[in-house]
Amino acid sequence: MNNQTQQTKYFADDLAQINRLYCNLEGIEKAIETCQERQRNLMFENMEEQQASLNEHMKFIDTLHEAHQNIIAQIQKVIKSAHLLNGYGY
């Protein structure tokens, strides 16, 4: 094999290797894009789950607040009744 033929073969081999590496690079870039998309989807799903959890927590807080207000109203009724019974005339 003469020098020119050998250089052409090396060039062809290098070109084939570059092509394989480029294909691998494209595959890796595609995989990165896919992973990033999945990450965004998971973050969105987690945000929805977190929002749902936060909504449930807020409902629970509202329920506690209502219960607190009801207890205060009951205490005020008892105090008012006690004062009426004791002649304070509220």
PDB file of N, CA and C in Angstrom:
ATOM      1  N   MET A   1       0.871  -1.170   0.000  1.00  0.00           N
ATOM      2  CA  MET A   1       0.000   0.000   0.000  1.00  0.00           C
ATOM      3  C   MET A   1       0.916   1.231   0.000  1.00  0.00           C
ATOM      4  N   ASN A   2       0.675   2.106  -0.954  1.00  0.00           N
ATOM      5  CA  ASN A   2       1.517   3.301  -1.012  1.00  0.00           C
ATOM      6  C   ASN A   2       1.067   4.314   0.019  1.00  0.00           C
ATOM      7  N   ASN A   3       1.839   5.326   0.200  1.00  0.00           N
ATOM      8  CA  ASN A   3       1.623   6.341   1.222  1.00  0.00           C
ATOM      9  C   ASN A   3       0.282   7.062   1.004  1.00  0.00           C
ATOM     10  N   GLN A   4      -0.023   7.386  -0.246  1.00  0.00           N
ATOM     11  CA  GLN A   4      -1.284   8.078  -0.560  1.00  0.00           C
ATOM     12  C   GLN A   4      -2.481   7.211  -0.215  1.00  0.00           C
ATOM     13  N   THR A   5      -2.453   5.936  -0.526  1.00  0.00           N
ATOM     14  CA  THR A   5      -3.545   5.011  -0.248  1.00  0.00           C
ATOM     15  C   THR A   5      -3.703   4.827   1.258  1.00  0.00           C
ATOM     16  N   GLN A   6      -2.557   4.726   1.951  1.00  0.00           N
ATOM     17  CA  GLN A   6      -2.604   4.557   3.411  1.00  0.00           C
ATOM     18  C   GLN A   6      -3.187   5.804   4.071  1.00  0.00           C
ATOM     19  N   GLN A   7      -2.811   6.984   3.605  1.00  0.00           N
ATOM     20  CA  GLN A   7      -3.360   8.227   4.173  1.00  0.00           C
ATOM     21  C   GLN A   7      -4.864   8.322   3.910  1.00  0.00           C
ATOM     22  N   THR A   8      -5.287   7.880   2.730  1.00  0.00           N
ATOM     23  CA  THR A   8      -6.716   7.888   2.395  1.00  0.00           C
ATOM     24  C   THR A   8      -7.471   6.938   3.318  1.00  0.00           C
ATOM     25  N   LYS A   9      -6.885   5.754   3.584  1.00  0.00           N
ATOM     26  CA  LYS A   9      -7.525   4.795   4.476  1.00  0.00           C
ATOM     27  C   LYS A   9      -7.615   5.367   5.889  1.00  0.00           C
ATOM     28  N   TYR A  10      -6.527   5.980   6.364  1.00  0.00           N
ATOM     29  CA  TYR A  10      -6.555   6.589   7.701  1.00  0.00           C
ATOM     30  C   TYR A  10      -7.611   7.692   7.770  1.00  0.00           C
ATOM     31  N   PHE A  11      -7.657   8.492   6.680  1.00  0.00           N
ATOM     32  CA  PHE A  11      -8.648   9.555   6.630  1.00  0.00           C
ATOM     33  C   PHE A  11     -10.063   8.976   6.667  1.00  0.00           C
ATOM     34  N   ALA A  12     -10.305   7.917   5.925  1.00  0.00           N
ATOM     35  CA  ALA A  12     -11.622   7.267   5.897  1.00  0.00           C
ATOM     36  C   ALA A  12     -11.950   6.683   7.268  1.00  0.00           C
ATOM     37  N   ASP A  13     -10.953   6.059   7.909  1.00  0.00           N
ATOM     38  CA  ASP A  13     -11.170   5.510   9.254  1.00  0.00           C
ATOM     39  C   ASP A  13     -11.477   6.625  10.248  1.00  0.00           C
ATOM     40  N   ASP A  14     -10.704   7.706  10.151  1.00  0.00           N
ATOM     41  CA  ASP A  14     -10.939   8.845  11.043  1.00  0.00           C
ATOM     42  C   ASP A  14     -12.316   9.442  10.804  1.00  0.00           C
ATOM     43  N   LEU A  15     -12.674   9.547   9.529  1.00  0.00           N
ATOM     44  CA  LEU A  15     -13.986  10.086   9.183  1.00  0.00           C
ATOM     45  C   LEU A  15     -15.102   9.192   9.711  1.00  0.00           C
ATOM     46  N   ALA A  16     -14.932   7.885   9.610  1.00  0.00           N
ATOM     47  CA  ALA A  16     -15.934   6.950  10.131  1.00  0.00           C
ATOM     48  C   ALA A  16     -16.020   7.063  11.655  1.00  0.00           C
ATOM     49  N   GLN A  17     -14.863   7.204  12.314  1.00  0.00           N
ATOM     50  CA  GLN A  17     -14.872   7.344  13.774  1.00  0.00           C
ATOM     51  C   GLN A  17     -15.535   8.663  14.173  1.00  0.00           C
ATOM     52  N   ILE A  18     -15.222   9.735  13.453  1.00  0.00           N
ATOM     53  CA  ILE A  18     -15.858  11.029  13.727  1.00  0.00           C
ATOM     54  C   ILE A  18     -17.369  10.908  13.537  1.00  0.00           C
ATOM     55  N   ASN A  19     -17.780  10.204  12.488  1.00  0.00           N
ATOM     56  CA  ASN A  19     -19.207  10.019  12.232  1.00  0.00           C
ATOM     57  C   ASN A  19     -19.867   9.253  13.374  1.00  0.00           C
ATOM     58  N   ARG A  20     -19.210   8.182  13.845  1.00  0.00           N
ATOM     59  CA  ARG A  20     -19.755   7.412  14.984  1.00  0.00           C
ATOM     60  C   ARG A  20     -19.826   8.290  16.234  1.00  0.00           C
ATOM     61  N   LEU A  21     -18.766   9.058  16.478  1.00  0.00           N
ATOM     62  CA  LEU A  21     -18.755   9.937  17.648  1.00  0.00           C
ATOM     63  C   LEU A  21     -19.845  11.002  17.538  1.00  0.00           C
ATOM     64  N   TYR A  22     -20.028  11.530  16.314  1.00  0.00           N
ATOM     65  CA  TYR A  22     -21.074  12.533  16.092  1.00  0.00           C
ATOM     66  C   TYR A  22     -22.455  11.927  16.356  1.00  0.00           C
ATOM     67  N   CYS A  23     -22.646  10.678  15.869  1.00  0.00           N
ATOM     68  CA  CYS A  23     -23.919   9.991  16.129  1.00  0.00           C
ATOM     69  C   CYS A  23     -24.104   9.780  17.629  1.00  0.00           C
ATOM     70  N   ASN A  24     -23.024   9.388  18.318  1.00  0.00           N
ATOM     71  CA  ASN A  24     -23.088   9.225  19.767  1.00  0.00           C
ATOM     72  C   ASN A  24     -23.407  10.559  20.438  1.00  0.00           C
ATOM     73  N   LEU A  25     -22.763  11.617  19.951  1.00  0.00           N
ATOM     74  CA  LEU A  25     -23.001  12.946  20.503  1.00  0.00           C
ATOM     75  C   LEU A  25     -24.463  13.346  20.315  1.00  0.00           C
ATOM     76  N   GLU A  26     -25.005  13.109  19.121  1.00  0.00           N
ATOM     77  CA  GLU A  26     -26.418  13.405  18.883  1.00  0.00           C
ATOM     78  C   GLU A  26     -27.309  12.597  19.818  1.00  0.00           C
ATOM     79  N   GLY A  27     -26.942  11.314  20.008  1.00  0.00           N
ATOM     80  CA  GLY A  27     -27.711  10.470  20.923  1.00  0.00           C
ATOM     81  C   GLY A  27     -27.658  10.984  22.345  1.00  0.00           C
ATOM     82  N   ILE A  28     -26.470  11.430  22.753  1.00  0.00           N
ATOM     83  CA  ILE A  28     -26.308  11.964  24.114  1.00  0.00           C
ATOM     84  C   ILE A  28     -27.103  13.259  24.261  1.00  0.00           C
ATOM     85  N   GLU A  29     -27.028  14.135  23.258  1.00  0.00           N
ATOM     86  CA  GLU A  29     -27.797  15.383  23.318  1.00  0.00           C
ATOM     87  C   GLU A  29     -29.289  15.102  23.394  1.00  0.00           C
ATOM     88  N   LYS A  30     -29.744  14.122  22.622  1.00  0.00           N
ATOM     89  CA  LYS A  30     -31.164  13.747  22.642  1.00  0.00           C
ATOM     90  C   LYS A  30     -31.539  13.201  24.018  1.00  0.00           C
ATOM     91  N   ALA A  31     -30.633  12.375  24.584  1.00  0.00           N
ATOM     92  CA  ALA A  31     -30.891  11.824  25.914  1.00  0.00           C
ATOM     93  C   ALA A  31     -30.949  12.939  26.953  1.00  0.00           C
ATOM     94  N   ILE A  32     -30.062  13.926  26.825  1.00  0.00           N
ATOM     95  CA  ILE A  32     -30.077  15.062  27.762  1.00  0.00           C
ATOM     96  C   ILE A  32     -31.396  15.826  27.635  1.00  0.00           C
ATOM     97  N   GLU A  33     -31.818  16.087  26.399  1.00  0.00           N
ATOM     98  CA  GLU A  33     -33.095  16.777  26.183  1.00  0.00           C
ATOM     99  C   GLU A  33     -34.251  15.993  26.789  1.00  0.00           C
ATOM    100  N   THR A  34     -34.236  14.675  26.585  1.00  0.00           N
ATOM    101  CA  THR A  34     -35.289  13.818  27.130  1.00  0.00           C
ATOM    102  C   THR A  34     -35.280  13.875  28.654  1.00  0.00           C
ATOM    103  N   CYS A  35     -34.092  13.792  29.247  1.00  0.00           N
ATOM    104  CA  CYS A  35     -33.981  13.852  30.712  1.00  0.00           C
ATOM    105  C   CYS A  35     -34.445  15.201  31.238  1.00  0.00           C
ATOM    106  N   GLN A  36     -34.080  16.278  30.541  1.00  0.00           N
ATOM    107  CA  GLN A  36     -34.508  17.606  30.975  1.00  0.00           C
ATOM    108  C   GLN A  36     -36.022  17.745  30.892  1.00  0.00           C
ATOM    109  N   GLU A  37     -36.609  17.188  29.839  1.00  0.00           N
ATOM    110  CA  GLU A  37     -38.073  17.222  29.693  1.00  0.00           C
ATOM    111  C   GLU A  37     -38.731  16.430  30.815  1.00  0.00           C
ATOM    112  N   ARG A  38     -38.176  15.260  31.092  1.00  0.00           N
ATOM    113  CA  ARG A  38     -38.721  14.451  32.196  1.00  0.00           C
ATOM    114  C   ARG A  38     -38.589  15.187  33.515  1.00  0.00           C
ATOM    115  N   GLN A  39     -37.447  15.851  33.707  1.00  0.00           N
ATOM    116  CA  GLN A  39     -37.243  16.611  34.938  1.00  0.00           C
ATOM    117  C   GLN A  39     -38.287  17.716  35.058  1.00  0.00           C
ATOM    118  N   ARG A  40     -38.531  18.442  33.946  1.00  0.00           N
ATOM    119  CA  ARG A  40     -39.554  19.494  33.974  1.00  0.00           C
ATOM    120  C   ARG A  40     -40.921  18.908  34.296  1.00  0.00           C
ATOM    121  N   ASN A  41     -41.233  17.752  33.685  1.00  0.00           N
ATOM    122  CA  ASN A  41     -42.518  17.110  33.954  1.00  0.00           C
ATOM    123  C   ASN A  41     -42.622  16.686  35.410  1.00  0.00           C
ATOM    124  N   LEU A  42     -41.541  16.123  35.951  1.00  0.00           N
ATOM    125  CA  LEU A  42     -41.558  15.713  37.356  1.00  0.00           C
ATOM    126  C   LEU A  42     -41.702  16.917  38.278  1.00  0.00           C
ATOM    127  N   MET A  43     -40.994  17.995  37.936  1.00  0.00           N
ATOM    128  CA  MET A  43     -41.110  19.195  38.760  1.00  0.00           C
ATOM    129  C   MET A  43     -42.539  19.710  38.724  1.00  0.00           C
ATOM    130  N   PHE A  44     -43.155  19.691  37.537  1.00  0.00           N
ATOM    131  CA  PHE A  44     -44.540  20.145  37.406  1.00  0.00           C
ATOM    132  C   PHE A  44     -45.467  19.239  38.208  1.00  0.00           C
ATOM    133  N   GLU A  45     -45.244  17.902  38.082  1.00  0.00           N
ATOM    134  CA  GLU A  45     -46.066  16.962  38.845  1.00  0.00           C
ATOM    135  C   GLU A  45     -45.867  17.186  40.336  1.00  0.00           C
ATOM    136  N   ASN A  46     -44.607  17.373  40.741  1.00  0.00           N
ATOM    137  CA  ASN A  46     -44.340  17.619  42.155  1.00  0.00           C
ATOM    138  C   ASN A  46     -44.983  18.919  42.606  1.00  0.00           C
ATOM    139  N   MET A  47     -44.963  19.924  41.727  1.00  0.00           N
ATOM    140  CA  MET A  47     -45.604  21.185  42.095  1.00  0.00           C
ATOM    141  C   MET A  47     -47.099  20.976  42.258  1.00  0.00           C
ATOM    142  N   GLU A  48     -47.689  20.176  41.369  1.00  0.00           N
ATOM    143  CA  GLU A  48     -49.120  19.895  41.500  1.00  0.00           C
ATOM    144  C   GLU A  48     -49.393  19.149  42.800  1.00  0.00           C
ATOM    145  N   GLU A  49     -48.533  18.160  43.109  1.00  0.00           N
ATOM    146  CA  GLU A  49     -48.701  17.416  44.354  1.00  0.00           C
ATOM    147  C   GLU A  49     -48.496  18.339  45.550  1.00  0.00           C
ATOM    148  N   GLN A  50     -47.467  19.184  45.467  1.00  0.00           N
ATOM    149  CA  GLN A  50     -47.206  20.115  46.557  1.00  0.00           C
ATOM    150  C   GLN A  50     -48.359  21.094  46.705  1.00  0.00           C
ATOM    151  N   GLN A  51     -48.895  21.557  45.573  1.00  0.00           N
ATOM    152  CA  GLN A  51     -50.024  22.486  45.627  1.00  0.00           C
ATOM    153  C   GLN A  51     -51.240  21.806  46.231  1.00  0.00           C
ATOM    154  N   ALA A  52     -51.473  20.555  45.838  1.00  0.00           N
ATOM    155  CA  ALA A  52     -52.598  19.807  46.408  1.00  0.00           C
ATOM    156  C   ALA A  52     -52.405  19.634  47.908  1.00  0.00           C
ATOM    157  N   SER A  53     -51.186  19.323  48.310  1.00  0.00           N
ATOM    158  CA  SER A  53     -50.889  19.163  49.729  1.00  0.00           C
ATOM    159  C   SER A  53     -51.064  20.489  50.470  1.00  0.00           C
ATOM    160  N   LEU A  54     -50.590  21.568  49.842  1.00  0.00           N
ATOM    161  CA  LEU A  54     -50.748  22.887  50.443  1.00  0.00           C
ATOM    162  C   LEU A  54     -52.223  23.257  50.561  1.00  0.00           C
ATOM    163  N   ASN A  55     -53.001  22.945  49.518  1.00  0.00           N
ATOM    164  CA  ASN A  55     -54.440  23.228  49.568  1.00  0.00           C
ATOM    165  C   ASN A  55     -55.104  22.470  50.705  1.00  0.00           C
ATOM    166  N   GLU A  56     -54.751  21.190  50.868  1.00  0.00           N
ATOM    167  CA  GLU A  56     -55.304  20.392  51.968  1.00  0.00           C
ATOM    168  C   GLU A  56     -54.898  20.991  53.314  1.00  0.00           C
ATOM    169  N   HIS A  57     -53.651  21.420  53.398  1.00  0.00           N
ATOM    170  CA  HIS A  57     -53.158  22.022  54.641  1.00  0.00           C
ATOM    171  C   HIS A  57     -53.921  23.316  54.940  1.00  0.00           C
ATOM    172  N   MET A  58     -54.144  24.116  53.883  1.00  0.00           N
ATOM    173  CA  MET A  58     -54.875  25.371  54.078  1.00  0.00           C
ATOM    174  C   MET A  58     -56.322  25.101  54.500  1.00  0.00           C
ATOM    175  N   LYS A  59     -56.946  24.079  53.922  1.00  0.00           N
ATOM    176  CA  LYS A  59     -58.310  23.708  54.334  1.00  0.00           C
ATOM    177  C   LYS A  59     -58.312  23.299  55.797  1.00  0.00           C
ATOM    178  N   PHE A  60     -57.301  22.544  56.202  1.00  0.00           N
ATOM    179  CA  PHE A  60     -57.212  22.113  57.600  1.00  0.00           C
ATOM    180  C   PHE A  60     -57.046  23.321  58.513  1.00  0.00           C
ATOM    181  N   ILE A  61     -56.208  24.271  58.099  1.00  0.00           N
ATOM    182  CA  ILE A  61     -56.025  25.490  58.895  1.00  0.00           C
ATOM    183  C   ILE A  61     -57.340  26.261  58.979  1.00  0.00           C
ATOM    184  N   ASP A  62     -58.064  26.362  57.864  1.00  0.00           N
ATOM    185  CA  ASP A  62     -59.367  27.036  57.876  1.00  0.00           C
ATOM    186  C   ASP A  62     -60.336  26.344  58.837  1.00  0.00           C
ATOM    187  N   THR A  63     -60.319  25.009  58.815  1.00  0.00           N
ATOM    188  CA  THR A  63     -61.185  24.237  59.712  1.00  0.00           C
ATOM    189  C   THR A  63     -60.804  24.514  61.168  1.00  0.00           C
ATOM    190  N   LEU A  64     -59.508  24.535  61.435  1.00  0.00           N
ATOM    191  CA  LEU A  64     -59.058  24.851  62.800  1.00  0.00           C
ATOM    192  C   LEU A  64     -59.455  26.269  63.196  1.00  0.00           C
ATOM    193  N   HIS A  65     -59.326  27.199  62.261  1.00  0.00           N
ATOM    194  CA  HIS A  65     -59.711  28.579  62.546  1.00  0.00           C
ATOM    195  C   HIS A  65     -61.209  28.673  62.849  1.00  0.00           C
ATOM    196  N   GLU A  66     -62.020  27.977  62.063  1.00  0.00           N
ATOM    197  CA  GLU A  66     -63.465  27.958  62.324  1.00  0.00           C
ATOM    198  C   GLU A  66     -63.755  27.356  63.699  1.00  0.00           C
ATOM    199  N   ALA A  67     -63.098  26.256  64.009  1.00  0.00           N
ATOM    200  CA  ALA A  67     -63.301  25.606  65.311  1.00  0.00           C
ATOM    201  C   ALA A  67     -62.889  26.555  66.429  1.00  0.00           C
ATOM    202  N   HIS A  68     -61.793  27.264  66.223  1.00  0.00           N
ATOM    203  CA  HIS A  68     -61.320  28.236  67.210  1.00  0.00           C
ATOM    204  C   HIS A  68     -62.359  29.335  67.419  1.00  0.00           C
ATOM    205  N   GLN A  69     -62.897  29.856  66.313  1.00  0.00           N
ATOM    206  CA  GLN A  69     -63.911  30.904  66.409  1.00  0.00           C
ATOM    207  C   GLN A  69     -65.179  30.390  67.091  1.00  0.00           C
ATOM    208  N   ASN A  70     -65.569  29.142  66.777  1.00  0.00           N
ATOM    209  CA  ASN A  70     -66.750  28.549  67.412  1.00  0.00           C
ATOM    210  C   ASN A  70     -66.547  28.389  68.912  1.00  0.00           C
ATOM    211  N   ILE A  71     -65.360  27.979  69.308  1.00  0.00           N
ATOM    212  CA  ILE A  71     -65.077  27.815  70.740  1.00  0.00           C
ATOM    213  C   ILE A  71     -65.130  29.173  71.436  1.00  0.00           C
ATOM    214  N   ILE A  72     -64.547  30.201  70.801  1.00  0.00           N
ATOM    215  CA  ILE A  72     -64.598  31.543  71.382  1.00  0.00           C
ATOM    216  C   ILE A  72     -66.052  32.002  71.522  1.00  0.00           C
ATOM    217  N   ALA A  73     -66.858  31.757  70.490  1.00  0.00           N
ATOM    218  CA  ALA A  73     -68.278  32.144  70.551  1.00  0.00           C
ATOM    219  C   ALA A  73     -68.982  31.386  71.662  1.00  0.00           C
ATOM    220  N   GLN A  74     -68.695  30.104  71.843  1.00  0.00           N
ATOM    221  CA  GLN A  74     -69.317  29.321  72.917  1.00  0.00           C
ATOM    222  C   GLN A  74     -68.882  29.833  74.280  1.00  0.00           C
ATOM    223  N   ILE A  75     -67.601  30.173  74.395  1.00  0.00           N
ATOM    224  CA  ILE A  75     -67.110  30.725  75.671  1.00  0.00           C
ATOM    225  C   ILE A  75     -67.812  32.048  75.968  1.00  0.00           C
ATOM    226  N   GLN A  76     -67.959  32.885  74.960  1.00  0.00           N
ATOM    227  CA  GLN A  76     -68.637  34.166  75.148  1.00  0.00           C
ATOM    228  C   GLN A  76     -70.091  33.950  75.558  1.00  0.00           C
ATOM    229  N   LYS A  77     -70.765  32.949  74.978  1.00  0.00           N
ATOM    230  CA  LYS A  77     -72.143  32.639  75.365  1.00  0.00           C
ATOM    231  C   LYS A  77     -72.198  32.188  76.811  1.00  0.00           C
ATOM    232  N   VAL A  78     -71.271  31.350  77.202  1.00  0.00           N
ATOM    233  CA  VAL A  78     -71.249  30.861  78.585  1.00  0.00           C
ATOM    234  C   VAL A  78     -71.009  32.012  79.546  1.00  0.00           C
ATOM    235  N   ILE A  79     -70.054  32.881  79.181  1.00  0.00           N
ATOM    236  CA  ILE A  79     -69.773  34.036  80.048  1.00  0.00           C
ATOM    237  C   ILE A  79     -71.008  34.938  80.138  1.00  0.00           C
ATOM    238  N   LYS A  80     -71.653  35.169  78.997  1.00  0.00           N
ATOM    239  CA  LYS A  80     -72.847  36.010  78.979  1.00  0.00           C
ATOM    240  C   LYS A  80     -73.958  35.384  79.824  1.00  0.00           C
ATOM    241  N   SER A  81     -74.159  34.077  79.666  1.00  0.00           N
ATOM    242  CA  SER A  81     -75.180  33.387  80.475  1.00  0.00           C
ATOM    243  C   SER A  81     -74.841  33.453  81.951  1.00  0.00           C
ATOM    244  N   ALA A  82     -73.583  33.270  82.268  1.00  0.00           N
ATOM    245  CA  ALA A  82     -73.166  33.311  83.680  1.00  0.00           C
ATOM    246  C   ALA A  82     -73.395  34.699  84.254  1.00  0.00           C
ATOM    247  N   HIS A  83     -73.099  35.708  83.503  1.00  0.00           N
ATOM    248  CA  HIS A  83     -73.313  37.073  83.987  1.00  0.00           C
ATOM    249  C   HIS A  83     -74.798  37.363  84.156  1.00  0.00           C
ATOM    250  N   LEU A  84     -75.640  36.870  83.206  1.00  0.00           N
ATOM    251  CA  LEU A  84     -77.073  37.067  83.328  1.00  0.00           C
ATOM    252  C   LEU A  84     -77.592  36.345  84.574  1.00  0.00           C
ATOM    253  N   LEU A  85     -77.095  35.122  84.787  1.00  0.00           N
ATOM    254  CA  LEU A  85     -77.532  34.360  85.960  1.00  0.00           C
ATOM    255  C   LEU A  85     -77.089  35.030  87.247  1.00  0.00           C
ATOM    256  N   ASN A  86     -75.948  35.677  87.205  1.00  0.00           N
ATOM    257  CA  ASN A  86     -75.430  36.318  88.414  1.00  0.00           C
ATOM    258  C   ASN A  86     -75.879  37.770  88.542  1.00  0.00           C
ATOM    259  N   GLY A  87     -76.737  38.207  87.612  1.00  0.00           N
ATOM    260  CA  GLY A  87     -77.336  39.527  87.746  1.00  0.00           C
ATOM    261  C   GLY A  87     -76.490  40.662  87.213  1.00  0.00           C
ATOM    262  N   TYR A  88     -75.506  40.351  86.377  1.00  0.00           N
ATOM    263  CA  TYR A  88     -74.683  41.449  85.847  1.00  0.00           C
ATOM    264  C   TYR A  88     -75.350  42.149  84.678  1.00  0.00           C
ATOM    265  N   GLY A  89     -76.351  41.509  84.054  1.00  0.00           N
ATOM    266  CA  GLY A  89     -77.172  42.159  83.038  1.00  0.00           C
ATOM    267  C   GLY A  89     -76.502  42.417  81.700  1.00  0.00           C
ATOM    268  N   TYR A  90     -75.637  41.595  81.249  1.00  0.00           N
ATOM    269  CA  TYR A  90     -75.009  41.813  79.928  1.00  0.00           C
ATOM    270  C   TYR A  90     -75.970  41.542  78.834  1.00  0.00           C
TER     271      TYR A  90
END
